[in-house]
Amino acid sequence: MQFQVTILGTGSATPTLQRNPTAQWITYDHEHFLLDCGEGTQLQILRYKLRLSKLHHIFISHLHGDHYFGLFGLLTSMSLAQRLEPLVIYGPHGLDEIITTHFKYSNTLLTYPLEFRTTNPTQVERILDHPHLTVDTVPLQHRIPCTGFIFREKTRDRNLIRGLVPPEAHPNELIQLKHGKDVLDENDQVKYRFEDLTTPPPTARSYAFCSDTIYLPELYQYVQEVDLLYHEATFADSLLERAVRTNHSTARQAAQVARDAQVGQLLLGHFSSRYREVDHLLTEAREVFANTFLAEEGHTYAVGVNPQSIEHQPF
């Protein structure tokens, strides 16, 4: 199944002409999820031809404007398009009041049901249990309550048929093979050996989104061995004191989390507007964790590919 992340914004609080505020689009099979929604997110969604009609879940990490100011326009546009399907927003306490107050005074009546689910910034919590995917929160430490999110594919418990099974095989025999059992004939002799005709189920994949946070050495415990970790890298190491003062991380610190957690790949983002070019952030991070990449707007990153080369495709 397809599992990928499209980057819509890589900037931090102050807008620039080169970078949009934080937003990411997660695609899993035919399901779509939005992580954070900075100003201008709906324009990025249009630019990269993503389908709002397929979006049913939005996750907001915290209530700094560069992470949710785009919600008002996005929600209104979906209503103008006569959306009818429900939409669920997961976010910190107060987000529901902010949005409903805005709609109250703008006299906006949505055409679809909008549901709010409050996240707890102090503990790990499962907030979505999808048939093929789970989403858990991750406690982060910022100037206001903030959470990260981990998307984990559920482990499949059945082998995959290689396509070598004779056409006369009975459906019940295929089920036995998928469950890792040999098929016996009427004389209890092996008719089909599961090892010959099936392959093990694919390894479950995972993606962790760590939004604004001061460096947390203990964070590695929550994101242990995820395939792809996105971690903010607002500053270079030369501005470490500023990072501490503003509750942000440096690129080197993001790499330390990735190294300690033994993740497959690290994506850096949330770059300070003081940096027009950010290659030096990548250099700093790779000194600690070699398999690091810069998040690039409009690029799609596959989760769980060969850890030696991240896969990205511009639209």
Protein backbone atom coordinates (compact mmCIF):
# COMPACT_ATOMS: atom_id res chain seq x y z
CA MET A 1 0.00 0.00 0.00
CA GLN A 2 1.13 3.53 -0.72
CA PHE A 3 2.47 5.39 2.34
CA GLN A 4 4.01 8.79 1.66
CA VAL A 5 4.40 12.36 2.90
CA THR A 6 4.04 15.46 0.71
CA ILE A 7 5.66 18.59 2.13
CA LEU A 8 3.53 21.73 1.79
CA GLY A 9 5.50 24.08 4.05
CA THR A 10 9.00 24.17 5.56
CA GLY A 11 9.19 27.65 7.08
CA SER A 12 8.90 28.89 10.65
CA ALA A 13 6.92 31.79 12.12
CA THR A 14 8.04 34.67 9.87
CA PRO A 15 6.84 34.15 6.29
CA THR A 16 9.21 34.35 3.33
CA LEU A 17 8.76 34.25 -0.42
CA GLN A 18 10.75 31.00 -0.53
CA ARG A 19 8.96 29.00 2.17
CA ASN A 20 5.42 28.43 3.36
CA PRO A 21 4.48 27.78 7.00
CA THR A 22 4.31 24.21 8.27
CA ALA A 23 1.90 21.78 6.62
CA GLN A 24 2.22 18.19 5.43
CA TRP A 25 -0.09 15.86 3.52
CA ILE A 26 0.00 12.16 4.44
CA THR A 27 -1.25 9.58 1.95
CA TYR A 28 -1.88 6.01 3.04
CA ASP A 29 -3.48 3.85 0.37
CA HIS A 30 -6.68 5.81 -0.40
CA GLU A 31 -6.75 7.71 2.92
CA HIS A 32 -5.44 11.27 3.32
CA PHE A 33 -4.40 13.23 6.43
CA LEU A 34 -3.22 16.81 6.97
CA LEU A 35 -0.54 17.62 9.55
CA ASP A 36 -0.63 21.28 10.66
CA CYS A 37 -2.16 23.96 8.49
CA GLY A 38 -0.14 27.16 8.31
CA GLU A 39 -1.29 30.22 6.38
CA GLY A 40 -1.64 29.50 2.67
CA THR A 41 -1.95 25.72 3.02
CA GLN A 42 -5.00 25.54 0.79
CA LEU A 43 -3.07 27.26 -1.99
CA GLN A 44 -0.33 24.65 -1.66
CA ILE A 45 -2.95 21.91 -1.81
CA LEU A 46 -4.24 23.40 -5.06
CA ARG A 47 -0.72 23.89 -6.42
CA TYR A 48 0.21 20.26 -5.93
CA LYS A 49 -3.17 18.90 -7.07
CA LEU A 50 -4.14 17.21 -3.80
CA ARG A 51 -7.81 16.35 -3.40
CA LEU A 52 -9.56 18.02 -0.46
CA SER A 53 -12.57 15.78 -0.98
CA LYS A 54 -10.42 12.86 0.19
CA LEU A 55 -9.34 14.61 3.41
CA HIS A 56 -11.11 13.41 6.58
CA HIS A 57 -8.59 14.01 9.38
CA ILE A 58 -6.54 17.12 10.30
CA PHE A 59 -3.92 17.12 13.07
CA ILE A 60 -2.74 20.38 14.66
CA SER A 61 0.40 20.26 16.82
CA HIS A 62 -0.04 23.54 18.74
CA LEU A 63 -1.63 26.98 18.68
CA HIS A 64 1.13 29.13 17.26
CA GLY A 65 -0.29 30.79 14.18
CA ASP A 66 2.20 29.40 11.68
CA HIS A 67 0.78 25.97 12.42
CA TYR A 68 -2.97 26.59 12.16
CA PHE A 69 -3.86 30.01 10.68
CA GLY A 70 -4.63 28.30 7.38
CA LEU A 71 -7.52 26.38 8.90
CA PHE A 72 -10.09 29.16 8.61
CA GLY A 73 -9.76 29.50 4.85
CA LEU A 74 -9.40 25.76 4.27
CA LEU A 75 -12.53 24.86 6.23
CA THR A 76 -14.51 27.63 4.55
CA SER A 77 -13.42 26.59 1.06
CA MET A 78 -14.54 23.02 1.67
CA SER A 79 -17.94 24.36 2.67
CA LEU A 80 -18.12 26.58 -0.43
CA ALA A 81 -17.44 23.42 -2.44
CA GLN A 82 -20.56 21.92 -0.81
CA ARG A 83 -18.70 19.27 1.13
CA LEU A 84 -21.05 16.93 3.01
CA GLU A 85 -18.72 14.34 4.55
CA PRO A 86 -17.64 14.80 8.21
CA LEU A 87 -14.19 16.18 9.05
CA VAL A 88 -12.32 15.51 12.30
CA ILE A 89 -9.75 17.95 13.73
CA TYR A 90 -7.34 16.74 16.42
CA GLY A 91 -5.63 19.52 18.33
CA PRO A 92 -4.90 21.23 21.64
CA HIS A 93 -7.42 22.58 24.09
CA GLY A 94 -8.89 25.86 22.87
CA LEU A 95 -8.70 25.16 19.14
CA ASP A 96 -12.41 24.34 18.96
CA GLU A 97 -13.30 27.60 20.70
CA ILE A 98 -11.07 29.63 18.37
CA ILE A 99 -12.61 28.16 15.23
CA THR A 100 -16.23 28.22 16.39
CA THR A 101 -15.82 31.83 17.57
CA HIS A 102 -14.40 32.82 14.20
CA PHE A 103 -17.30 31.19 12.37
CA LYS A 104 -19.80 32.71 14.77
CA TYR A 105 -18.70 36.29 14.12
CA SER A 106 -18.18 35.74 10.39
CA ASN A 107 -21.67 34.18 10.21
CA THR A 108 -20.22 31.08 8.55
CA LEU A 109 -22.38 27.97 8.45
CA LEU A 110 -20.51 24.89 7.27
CA THR A 111 -22.19 22.41 4.96
CA TYR A 112 -20.55 19.45 6.69
CA PRO A 113 -20.19 18.14 10.27
CA LEU A 114 -16.99 19.31 12.00
CA GLU A 115 -15.77 17.32 15.00
CA PHE A 116 -13.03 18.38 17.43
CA ARG A 117 -10.94 15.95 19.47
CA THR A 118 -8.64 17.45 22.09
CA THR A 119 -5.09 16.13 22.35
CA ASN A 120 -3.22 15.72 25.65
CA PRO A 121 0.26 17.31 25.41
CA THR A 122 1.58 15.53 28.51
CA GLN A 123 1.38 11.88 27.50
CA VAL A 124 1.36 9.39 24.67
CA GLU A 125 -2.18 8.74 23.53
CA ARG A 126 -3.75 6.80 20.67
CA ILE A 127 -6.09 9.21 18.93
CA LEU A 128 -6.92 7.26 15.78
CA ASP A 129 -7.29 3.54 15.18
CA HIS A 130 -7.78 3.11 11.46
CA PRO A 131 -8.27 -0.38 9.94
CA HIS A 132 -4.70 -0.32 8.56
CA LEU A 133 -3.07 2.52 10.51
CA THR A 134 -2.81 4.02 14.00
CA VAL A 135 -1.95 7.56 15.06
CA ASP A 136 -0.41 8.29 18.47
CA THR A 137 0.55 11.59 20.07
CA VAL A 138 4.09 12.40 21.24
CA PRO A 139 4.71 14.90 24.09
CA LEU A 140 6.91 17.79 22.97
CA GLN A 141 8.18 20.83 24.88
CA HIS A 142 7.59 24.27 23.41
CA ARG A 143 6.51 27.68 24.75
CA ILE A 144 2.91 26.47 24.72
CA PRO A 145 1.47 22.92 24.82
CA CYS A 146 2.59 20.99 21.76
CA THR A 147 2.33 17.43 20.50
CA GLY A 148 3.92 15.39 17.76
CA PHE A 149 2.21 12.56 15.91
CA ILE A 150 3.31 9.05 14.91
CA PHE A 151 1.62 7.22 12.05
CA ARG A 152 2.16 3.46 12.30
CA GLU A 153 1.05 0.88 9.78
CA LYS A 154 -0.55 -2.15 11.37
CA THR A 155 1.33 -5.41 10.99
CA ARG A 156 -0.27 -7.78 8.52
CA ASP A 157 -0.61 -11.31 9.84
CA ARG A 158 -0.96 -13.11 6.52
CA ASN A 159 1.61 -14.24 3.98
CA LEU A 160 1.33 -13.08 0.39
CA ILE A 161 0.67 -15.57 -2.40
CA ARG A 162 3.46 -15.46 -4.98
CA GLY A 163 1.21 -16.33 -7.90
CA LEU A 164 2.68 -19.81 -8.30
CA VAL A 165 -0.26 -21.72 -6.80
CA PRO A 166 -1.94 -24.03 -9.33
CA PRO A 167 -5.28 -22.67 -10.55
CA GLU A 168 -7.11 -25.74 -9.26
CA ALA A 169 -6.20 -24.89 -5.66
CA HIS A 170 -9.30 -24.51 -3.47
CA PRO A 171 -9.92 -21.11 -1.77
CA ASN A 172 -9.64 -22.79 1.63
CA GLU A 173 -6.20 -24.07 0.64
CA LEU A 174 -5.15 -20.52 -0.24
CA ILE A 175 -6.27 -19.37 3.21
CA GLN A 176 -4.12 -22.07 4.82
CA LEU A 177 -1.10 -20.97 2.82
CA LYS A 178 -1.64 -17.31 3.73
CA HIS A 179 -1.64 -18.32 7.40
CA GLY A 180 1.70 -20.08 6.99
CA LYS A 181 0.38 -23.65 6.94
CA ASP A 182 1.20 -26.44 4.51
CA VAL A 183 -1.72 -27.96 2.60
CA LEU A 184 -2.01 -31.73 2.98
CA ASP A 185 -3.75 -34.20 0.69
CA GLU A 186 -6.13 -36.99 1.71
CA ASN A 187 -3.13 -39.16 2.68
CA ASP A 188 -1.67 -36.45 4.94
CA GLN A 189 1.12 -35.86 2.47
CA VAL A 190 2.25 -32.31 1.69
CA LYS A 191 0.35 -31.08 -1.35
CA TYR A 192 1.44 -27.43 -1.25
CA ARG A 193 4.29 -26.16 0.91
CA PHE A 194 3.62 -22.60 2.13
CA GLU A 195 7.32 -21.71 2.04
CA ASP A 196 7.39 -22.47 -1.68
CA LEU A 197 4.27 -20.53 -2.64
CA THR A 198 4.12 -17.52 -0.31
CA THR A 199 6.25 -14.65 0.94
CA PRO A 200 6.13 -13.18 4.46
CA PRO A 201 3.95 -10.07 4.95
CA PRO A 202 5.78 -6.77 4.44
CA THR A 203 7.30 -5.06 7.44
CA ALA A 204 5.02 -2.42 8.97
CA ARG A 205 6.12 1.17 8.21
CA SER A 206 6.04 4.26 10.43
CA TYR A 207 6.33 8.05 10.22
CA ALA A 208 6.91 10.47 13.11
CA PHE A 209 6.17 14.21 12.92
CA CYS A 210 7.93 16.24 15.64
CA SER A 211 6.87 19.84 15.37
CA ASP A 212 8.23 22.77 17.43
CA THR A 213 10.19 21.60 20.45
CA ILE A 214 13.27 22.26 22.47
CA TYR A 215 15.81 19.45 22.23
CA LEU A 216 14.45 16.54 24.26
CA PRO A 217 17.01 13.77 24.83
CA GLU A 218 14.21 11.44 25.96
CA LEU A 219 12.27 11.92 22.70
CA TYR A 220 14.13 9.03 21.12
CA GLN A 221 12.11 6.62 23.27
CA TYR A 222 8.88 7.63 21.55
CA VAL A 223 10.17 7.56 17.96
CA GLN A 224 12.36 4.48 18.32
CA GLU A 225 13.17 2.89 14.95
CA VAL A 226 10.53 4.72 12.92
CA ASP A 227 11.23 4.55 9.20
CA LEU A 228 11.01 8.30 8.65
CA LEU A 229 11.34 11.03 11.28
CA TYR A 230 10.50 14.67 10.61
CA HIS A 231 12.07 16.91 13.26
CA GLU A 232 12.17 20.68 13.37
CA ALA A 233 15.58 22.27 12.79
CA THR A 234 14.89 25.97 13.16
CA PHE A 235 18.48 27.03 13.83
CA ALA A 236 22.09 26.14 13.15
CA ASP A 237 24.29 25.17 16.07
CA SER A 238 25.79 28.67 16.16
CA LEU A 239 22.42 29.89 17.47
CA LEU A 240 22.07 27.21 20.12
CA GLU A 241 21.40 29.77 22.87
CA ARG A 242 18.57 31.28 20.83
CA ALA A 243 17.15 27.83 20.20
CA VAL A 244 17.06 27.15 23.93
CA ARG A 245 15.55 30.55 24.67
CA THR A 246 12.76 30.11 22.12
CA ASN A 247 12.18 26.39 22.81
CA HIS A 248 13.34 25.25 19.39
CA SER A 249 15.97 22.78 18.17
CA THR A 250 19.08 22.98 16.03
CA ALA A 251 19.76 20.72 13.08
CA ARG A 252 22.47 18.93 15.05
CA GLN A 253 20.06 18.26 17.92
CA ALA A 254 17.46 16.85 15.52
CA ALA A 255 20.14 14.50 14.23
CA GLN A 256 20.99 13.43 17.78
CA VAL A 257 17.37 12.36 18.30
CA ALA A 258 17.45 10.43 15.01
CA ARG A 259 20.72 8.74 15.91
CA ASP A 260 19.61 7.77 19.41
CA ALA A 261 16.27 6.49 18.14
CA GLN A 262 17.96 4.51 15.34
CA VAL A 263 15.44 5.75 12.78
CA GLY A 264 15.68 4.94 9.10
CA GLN A 265 15.75 8.50 7.76
CA LEU A 266 15.58 12.05 9.10
CA LEU A 267 13.81 14.98 7.43
CA LEU A 268 14.67 18.51 8.59
CA GLY A 269 12.19 21.39 8.40
CA HIS A 270 10.76 24.52 10.08
CA PHE A 271 13.71 26.62 8.97
CA SER A 272 14.24 30.11 10.38
CA SER A 273 13.54 32.95 7.94
CA ARG A 274 17.08 34.26 8.58
CA TYR A 275 18.38 31.45 6.34
CA ARG A 276 17.83 31.87 2.63
CA GLU A 277 19.88 28.72 2.03
CA VAL A 278 19.88 25.84 4.50
CA ASP A 279 22.57 23.51 3.18
CA HIS A 280 24.70 24.25 6.24
CA LEU A 281 21.92 22.81 8.42
CA LEU A 282 22.08 19.61 6.42
CA THR A 283 25.86 19.48 6.80
CA GLU A 284 25.65 19.90 10.57
CA ALA A 285 23.00 17.20 10.90
CA ARG A 286 24.85 14.71 8.72
CA GLU A 287 27.91 14.97 10.95
CA VAL A 288 25.75 13.23 13.57
CA PHE A 289 23.28 11.23 11.48
CA ALA A 290 24.29 10.56 7.89
CA ASN A 291 20.88 9.60 6.53
CA THR A 292 19.47 13.13 6.86
CA PHE A 293 17.64 15.12 4.20
CA LEU A 294 16.13 18.58 3.84
CA ALA A 295 12.35 18.67 3.49
CA GLU A 296 11.52 20.34 0.17
CA GLU A 297 8.14 21.86 -0.57
CA GLY A 298 6.21 20.05 -3.25
CA HIS A 299 8.23 16.88 -2.85
CA THR A 300 6.74 13.56 -1.83
CA TYR A 301 8.74 11.19 0.39
CA ALA A 302 7.96 7.49 0.52
CA VAL A 303 7.90 5.94 3.99
CA GLY A 304 9.91 2.77 4.41
CA VAL A 305 12.07 2.85 1.27
CA ASN A 306 15.74 1.91 1.17
CA PRO A 307 17.28 3.94 4.01
CA GLN A 308 20.29 4.77 1.83
CA SER A 309 18.29 6.90 -0.60
CA ILE A 310 15.10 8.74 0.23
CA GLU A 311 12.54 8.75 -2.53
CA HIS A 312 11.04 12.08 -3.52
CA GLN A 313 9.15 13.14 -6.59
CA PRO A 314 8.21 16.72 -7.40
CA PHE A 315 4.67 17.10 -8.76
